[in-house]
Amino acid sequence: MVHSLDLRLLSVFDAIMSKRSVTQAGNALGLSQPLMSQSLSKLRHYFGDPLFVKTSAGMTPTPRAHDLHEQISEVLRIMKESLEPLPTFDPASSSRTFTFLATDFGAALLLPRLLPLLARRGPRIRVRAITAPGKEVEDVLESGEADIAYGSFRFTSSSIHQKRIYDADYVCMARAGHPAIHGKLTEEMYLNASHALVSPVPCGYEGLENFLIKNISSEKFLITIPSFLTIITTLPHSDILFTVPRLVGVKLAQMMKAQLLELPVAIPGFTVYQFWHERYHKDPANKWFREIMRAMYNA
């Protein structure tokens, strides 16, 4: 049985097959003649065959040795590769495509920061941003379709690694010329105002959806929008209130000169994580991408 064979003997077999000489094989391996003879004896006993026979041409392989040669060479190749250090990743020369999964706003936030950095450190690297339903994220990471994912997904599999990126809460946005709101909201104003509802909400945002549906009457939801980015075109032309994650609100308020208002009610927040699969945990390229993407969030 394989487990009873000292795998170091396979190197002896391979060396004799290559050199056709026990002495020369021993020199190549740095082993003494007695140790080589002992090793060959163990190989013959294990395989039940002479393996190599002394002839005028040297140590000639038997048919059984020829049959074993390809398999033993493959075992030695796998052993060598497994013992070699992990390859390094050089972003300056790489033309790899990295893919990350995030909400549309997450991608819109990250890419303007990421692209200048890549232009300096990895000018040939390409980046792809994708979205996927929460239930499919694990499959996307396992298959390698995405290198990393961002969000508040919940996984039960131990094969998914995660790193906390930031904790988030919510704020409210109103247009600068809103007739009733001027820099501050009361609870009564908030609950009685007209609102926008994002549907479907990203994973982790259920606290916002649940609060709005529970505490605000349905007729107050004048519009339902597919994503937070839709606010860019709708908020300036409406007196509707938009409740958004703080990071979204800060960026959009700067862009649109809109009012950014603290909430007068308590809505549960969420935590954004970076996720990646165990298959790529030690991959140098994936590790490099994870690190620079984390730096983008902290910039």
Protein backbone atom coordinates (compact mmCIF):
# COMPACT_ATOMS: atom_id res chain seq x y z
CA MET A 1 0.00 0.00 0.00
CA VAL A 2 1.17 3.54 -0.79
CA HIS A 3 1.23 4.70 2.81
CA SER A 4 3.84 1.97 3.63
CA LEU A 5 6.27 3.33 1.03
CA ASP A 6 8.81 5.96 1.98
CA LEU A 7 8.16 8.58 -0.69
CA ARG A 8 11.86 9.49 -0.68
CA LEU A 9 12.47 6.16 -2.39
CA LEU A 10 10.64 7.51 -5.42
CA SER A 11 13.48 9.99 -5.94
CA VAL A 12 15.90 7.05 -5.92
CA PHE A 13 13.81 5.26 -8.55
CA ASP A 14 13.64 8.39 -10.71
CA ALA A 15 17.40 9.02 -10.47
CA ILE A 16 18.32 5.42 -11.43
CA MET A 17 15.85 5.57 -14.32
CA SER A 18 17.52 8.76 -15.52
CA LYS A 19 21.19 7.84 -14.95
CA ARG A 20 20.96 4.07 -15.61
CA SER A 21 23.56 3.75 -12.86
CA VAL A 22 23.18 3.31 -9.12
CA THR A 23 26.49 5.09 -8.49
CA GLN A 24 25.69 8.09 -10.67
CA ALA A 25 22.18 8.28 -9.26
CA GLY A 26 23.63 8.30 -5.74
CA ASN A 27 26.01 11.11 -6.68
CA ALA A 28 23.14 13.15 -8.08
CA LEU A 29 21.11 12.66 -4.90
CA GLY A 30 24.07 12.99 -2.52
CA LEU A 31 23.53 9.46 -1.16
CA SER A 32 26.19 6.84 -0.43
CA GLN A 33 26.47 3.58 -2.37
CA PRO A 34 25.29 1.42 0.57
CA LEU A 35 22.23 3.66 1.10
CA MET A 36 21.40 3.54 -2.61
CA SER A 37 21.64 -0.25 -2.64
CA GLN A 38 19.44 -0.45 0.44
CA SER A 39 16.89 1.90 -1.16
CA LEU A 40 16.81 -0.12 -4.38
CA SER A 41 16.26 -3.28 -2.36
CA LYS A 42 13.25 -1.69 -0.63
CA LEU A 43 11.82 -0.58 -3.98
CA ARG A 44 12.17 -4.10 -5.40
CA HIS A 45 10.48 -5.59 -2.36
CA TYR A 46 7.63 -3.11 -2.43
CA PHE A 47 6.85 -3.48 -6.13
CA GLY A 48 7.63 -7.20 -6.29
CA ASP A 49 9.91 -6.71 -9.30
CA PRO A 50 13.67 -6.30 -9.94
CA LEU A 51 12.92 -2.93 -11.57
CA PHE A 52 16.49 -2.47 -12.81
CA VAL A 53 18.76 -5.22 -14.14
CA LYS A 54 22.52 -4.83 -14.66
CA THR A 55 23.45 -5.22 -18.34
CA SER A 56 26.26 -4.07 -20.61
CA ALA A 57 24.25 -0.86 -21.13
CA GLY A 58 24.01 -0.15 -17.38
CA MET A 59 21.03 -0.60 -15.08
CA THR A 60 18.30 -1.43 -17.59
CA PRO A 61 14.65 -0.87 -16.53
CA THR A 62 12.29 -3.82 -16.53
CA PRO A 63 8.87 -3.55 -18.19
CA ARG A 64 7.38 -2.98 -14.75
CA ALA A 65 9.79 -0.06 -14.16
CA HIS A 66 8.77 1.48 -17.48
CA ASP A 67 5.11 1.19 -16.48
CA LEU A 68 5.80 2.89 -13.14
CA HIS A 69 8.00 5.65 -14.51
CA GLU A 70 5.27 8.04 -15.71
CA GLN A 71 3.23 7.69 -12.52
CA ILE A 72 6.23 8.15 -10.24
CA SER A 73 7.39 11.18 -12.23
CA GLU A 74 3.94 12.74 -11.79
CA VAL A 75 3.99 12.11 -8.03
CA LEU A 76 7.42 13.73 -7.77
CA ARG A 77 6.27 16.70 -9.84
CA ILE A 78 3.26 17.26 -7.57
CA MET A 79 5.45 16.95 -4.47
CA LYS A 80 7.94 19.46 -5.85
CA GLU A 81 5.26 21.98 -6.75
CA SER A 82 3.57 21.66 -3.37
CA LEU A 83 6.85 22.35 -1.57
CA GLU A 84 7.83 25.32 -3.69
CA PRO A 85 7.17 28.80 -2.26
CA LEU A 86 4.07 30.60 -3.48
CA PRO A 87 4.67 32.69 -6.59
CA THR A 88 4.87 36.43 -6.10
CA PHE A 89 2.58 38.94 -7.73
CA ASP A 90 4.01 41.92 -9.60
CA PRO A 91 1.24 44.44 -10.31
CA ALA A 92 3.54 46.56 -12.48
CA SER A 93 3.84 43.79 -15.09
CA SER A 94 0.50 42.04 -14.60
CA SER A 95 -2.36 42.23 -17.12
CA ARG A 96 -4.78 40.35 -14.87
CA THR A 97 -8.46 41.29 -14.65
CA PHE A 98 -9.74 41.65 -11.08
CA THR A 99 -13.46 41.47 -10.37
CA PHE A 100 -15.24 42.77 -7.30
CA LEU A 101 -18.88 42.45 -6.35
CA ALA A 102 -20.61 45.44 -4.76
CA THR A 103 -23.73 47.57 -4.92
CA ASP A 104 -23.87 50.10 -7.74
CA PHE A 105 -23.05 52.89 -5.32
CA GLY A 106 -20.21 50.88 -3.80
CA ALA A 107 -18.67 50.54 -7.23
CA ALA A 108 -19.27 54.22 -7.98
CA LEU A 109 -17.52 55.14 -4.73
CA LEU A 110 -14.51 52.87 -5.17
CA LEU A 111 -13.64 53.16 -8.85
CA PRO A 112 -12.69 56.88 -8.87
CA ARG A 113 -10.20 56.14 -6.09
CA LEU A 114 -8.98 52.86 -7.49
CA LEU A 115 -8.26 53.84 -11.09
CA PRO A 116 -5.58 56.49 -10.36
CA LEU A 117 -3.81 54.04 -8.04
CA LEU A 118 -3.82 51.33 -10.70
CA ALA A 119 -2.50 53.79 -13.27
CA ARG A 120 0.55 54.23 -11.05
CA ARG A 121 1.08 50.73 -9.71
CA GLY A 122 -0.53 48.40 -12.25
CA PRO A 123 -1.13 50.21 -15.54
CA ARG A 124 -2.06 47.01 -17.42
CA ILE A 125 -4.44 45.68 -14.75
CA ARG A 126 -8.15 45.68 -15.60
CA VAL A 127 -11.04 45.89 -13.15
CA ARG A 128 -14.61 44.65 -13.45
CA ALA A 129 -17.45 45.51 -11.06
CA ILE A 130 -20.49 43.23 -10.86
CA THR A 131 -23.63 42.78 -8.77
CA ALA A 132 -25.44 39.58 -7.77
CA PRO A 133 -28.31 38.52 -5.49
CA GLY A 134 -27.13 37.72 -1.97
CA LYS A 135 -27.93 34.02 -2.33
CA GLU A 136 -25.55 33.75 -5.29
CA VAL A 137 -22.56 35.57 -3.80
CA GLU A 138 -20.95 32.47 -2.30
CA ASP A 139 -21.09 30.66 -5.65
CA VAL A 140 -19.63 33.69 -7.43
CA LEU A 141 -16.70 33.78 -4.99
CA GLU A 142 -16.12 30.02 -5.06
CA SER A 143 -16.08 29.87 -8.86
CA GLY A 144 -13.65 32.77 -9.11
CA GLU A 145 -16.10 34.88 -11.08
CA ALA A 146 -15.43 37.55 -8.45
CA ASP A 147 -12.18 37.89 -6.50
CA ILE A 148 -13.81 39.70 -3.60
CA ALA A 149 -17.25 40.94 -2.56
CA TYR A 150 -18.48 43.83 -0.45
CA GLY A 151 -21.68 43.98 1.52
CA SER A 152 -23.53 42.75 4.57
CA PHE A 153 -24.10 39.21 3.36
CA ARG A 154 -24.57 36.37 5.82
CA PHE A 155 -22.73 33.14 5.11
CA THR A 156 -22.80 29.88 7.02
CA SER A 157 -19.96 28.28 5.07
CA SER A 158 -16.54 28.22 6.74
CA SER A 159 -14.94 28.55 3.29
CA ILE A 160 -15.80 32.27 3.14
CA HIS A 161 -13.36 34.67 4.79
CA GLN A 162 -14.44 38.13 5.87
CA LYS A 163 -12.91 41.39 7.07
CA ARG A 164 -14.89 44.23 8.60
CA ILE A 165 -14.60 47.40 6.53
CA TYR A 166 -16.86 49.89 8.30
CA ASP A 167 -20.02 50.29 10.39
CA ALA A 168 -22.78 52.33 8.80
CA ASP A 169 -25.86 54.21 9.91
CA TYR A 170 -28.46 56.24 8.02
CA VAL A 171 -29.11 59.90 7.29
CA CYS A 172 -31.85 61.76 5.44
CA MET A 173 -31.52 63.85 2.28
CA ALA A 174 -33.74 66.69 1.08
CA ARG A 175 -33.30 69.14 -1.76
CA ALA A 176 -31.71 72.47 -0.91
CA GLY A 177 -34.87 74.44 -1.69
CA HIS A 178 -37.28 72.26 0.25
CA PRO A 179 -40.19 74.47 1.38
CA ALA A 180 -40.62 72.93 4.85
CA ILE A 181 -37.20 71.58 5.81
CA HIS A 182 -34.29 73.89 6.55
CA GLY A 183 -31.34 72.01 8.02
CA LYS A 184 -33.14 70.06 10.75
CA LEU A 185 -35.76 67.34 11.05
CA THR A 186 -38.14 66.57 13.89
CA GLU A 187 -39.64 63.13 14.37
CA GLU A 188 -43.09 64.45 13.43
CA MET A 189 -41.75 66.04 10.24
CA TYR A 190 -39.96 62.86 9.24
CA LEU A 191 -42.88 60.49 9.86
CA ASN A 192 -45.42 62.71 8.12
CA ALA A 193 -43.30 63.57 5.07
CA SER A 194 -43.40 61.87 1.68
CA HIS A 195 -40.66 59.31 1.15
CA ALA A 196 -38.84 57.31 -1.48
CA LEU A 197 -38.40 53.56 -1.05
CA VAL A 198 -35.47 51.64 -2.50
CA SER A 199 -36.61 48.19 -3.59
CA PRO A 200 -35.22 45.64 -3.48
CA VAL A 201 -32.88 46.76 -0.72
CA PRO A 202 -29.33 45.36 -0.66
CA CYS A 203 -28.54 42.62 1.87
CA GLY A 204 -28.08 44.12 5.32
CA TYR A 205 -30.37 47.10 4.69
CA GLU A 206 -33.45 45.27 5.97
CA GLY A 207 -33.50 47.40 9.12
CA LEU A 208 -34.20 50.49 7.02
CA GLU A 209 -36.90 48.81 4.96
CA ASN A 210 -38.60 47.34 8.02
CA PHE A 211 -38.63 50.67 9.87
CA LEU A 212 -40.07 52.62 6.95
CA ILE A 213 -42.81 50.09 6.21
CA LYS A 214 -43.74 49.75 9.88
CA ASN A 215 -43.75 53.44 10.83
CA ILE A 216 -44.78 55.30 7.69
CA SER A 217 -48.13 54.84 5.98
CA SER A 218 -48.01 53.34 2.51
CA GLU A 219 -49.52 56.40 0.81
CA LYS A 220 -46.46 58.40 1.92
CA PHE A 221 -44.19 56.34 -0.36
CA LEU A 222 -44.60 58.38 -3.52
CA ILE A 223 -41.84 56.66 -5.51
CA THR A 224 -40.01 53.33 -5.43
CA ILE A 225 -36.54 53.43 -6.95
CA PRO A 226 -34.18 50.59 -7.93
CA SER A 227 -31.01 51.97 -6.33
CA PHE A 228 -29.58 54.84 -4.33
CA LEU A 229 -27.93 56.26 -7.45
CA THR A 230 -31.40 57.12 -8.79
CA ILE A 231 -31.46 59.88 -6.17
CA ILE A 232 -29.11 61.94 -8.36
CA THR A 233 -31.83 62.60 -10.90
CA THR A 234 -34.93 62.55 -8.70
CA LEU A 235 -34.07 64.49 -5.53
CA PRO A 236 -33.50 67.94 -7.12
CA HIS A 237 -37.00 67.90 -8.60
CA SER A 238 -39.02 66.67 -5.62
CA ASP A 239 -39.86 67.43 -1.98
CA ILE A 240 -39.64 63.74 -1.13
CA LEU A 241 -37.23 62.64 1.61
CA PHE A 242 -34.57 60.03 0.87
CA THR A 243 -33.21 57.92 3.75
CA VAL A 244 -29.80 56.59 2.76
CA PRO A 245 -26.61 55.13 4.27
CA ARG A 246 -24.44 57.93 5.64
CA LEU A 247 -21.62 57.29 3.18
CA VAL A 248 -24.07 57.58 0.28
CA GLY A 249 -25.64 60.71 1.73
CA VAL A 250 -22.35 62.51 2.31
CA LYS A 251 -21.14 61.91 -1.25
CA LEU A 252 -24.43 62.75 -2.93
CA ALA A 253 -25.03 65.86 -0.80
CA GLN A 254 -21.60 67.17 -1.86
CA MET A 255 -22.35 66.48 -5.51
CA MET A 256 -25.88 67.91 -5.49
CA LYS A 257 -25.62 70.68 -2.90
CA ALA A 258 -28.50 68.96 -1.08
CA GLN A 259 -29.42 69.04 2.59
CA LEU A 260 -27.92 66.25 4.69
CA LEU A 261 -30.04 65.73 7.81
CA GLU A 262 -29.54 63.67 10.94
CA LEU A 263 -32.39 61.27 11.55
CA PRO A 264 -34.75 62.06 14.44
CA VAL A 265 -35.63 58.36 14.71
CA ALA A 266 -33.57 55.25 15.50
CA ILE A 267 -33.03 52.92 12.55
CA PRO A 268 -30.72 49.90 12.96
CA GLY A 269 -27.47 50.29 11.02
CA PHE A 270 -25.34 47.64 9.34
CA THR A 271 -21.74 46.56 8.84
CA VAL A 272 -19.98 46.28 5.49
CA TYR A 273 -17.51 43.43 5.10
CA GLN A 274 -15.01 42.35 2.48
CA PHE A 275 -15.46 38.68 1.55
CA TRP A 276 -13.29 36.19 -0.31
CA HIS A 277 -13.17 32.43 -0.74
CA GLU A 278 -10.78 29.98 0.91
CA ARG A 279 -9.64 28.83 -2.54
CA TYR A 280 -7.98 32.21 -3.07
CA HIS A 281 -7.00 33.03 0.51
CA LYS A 282 -3.26 32.52 -0.11
CA ASP A 283 -3.22 33.59 -3.75
CA PRO A 284 -0.72 36.50 -3.91
CA ALA A 285 -2.71 38.39 -6.55
CA ASN A 286 -5.98 38.09 -4.65
CA LYS A 287 -4.25 39.14 -1.42
CA TRP A 288 -2.78 42.22 -3.13
CA PHE A 289 -6.19 43.19 -4.52
CA ARG A 290 -7.88 42.70 -1.13
CA GLU A 291 -5.35 44.98 0.53
CA ILE A 292 -5.54 47.84 -1.95
CA MET A 293 -9.34 47.68 -2.00
CA ARG A 294 -9.43 47.95 1.80
CA ALA A 295 -7.15 50.94 1.52
CA MET A 296 -9.61 52.56 -0.89
CA TYR A 297 -12.36 52.43 1.72
CA ASN A 298 -10.07 53.91 4.35
CA ALA A 299 -8.74 56.66 2.10
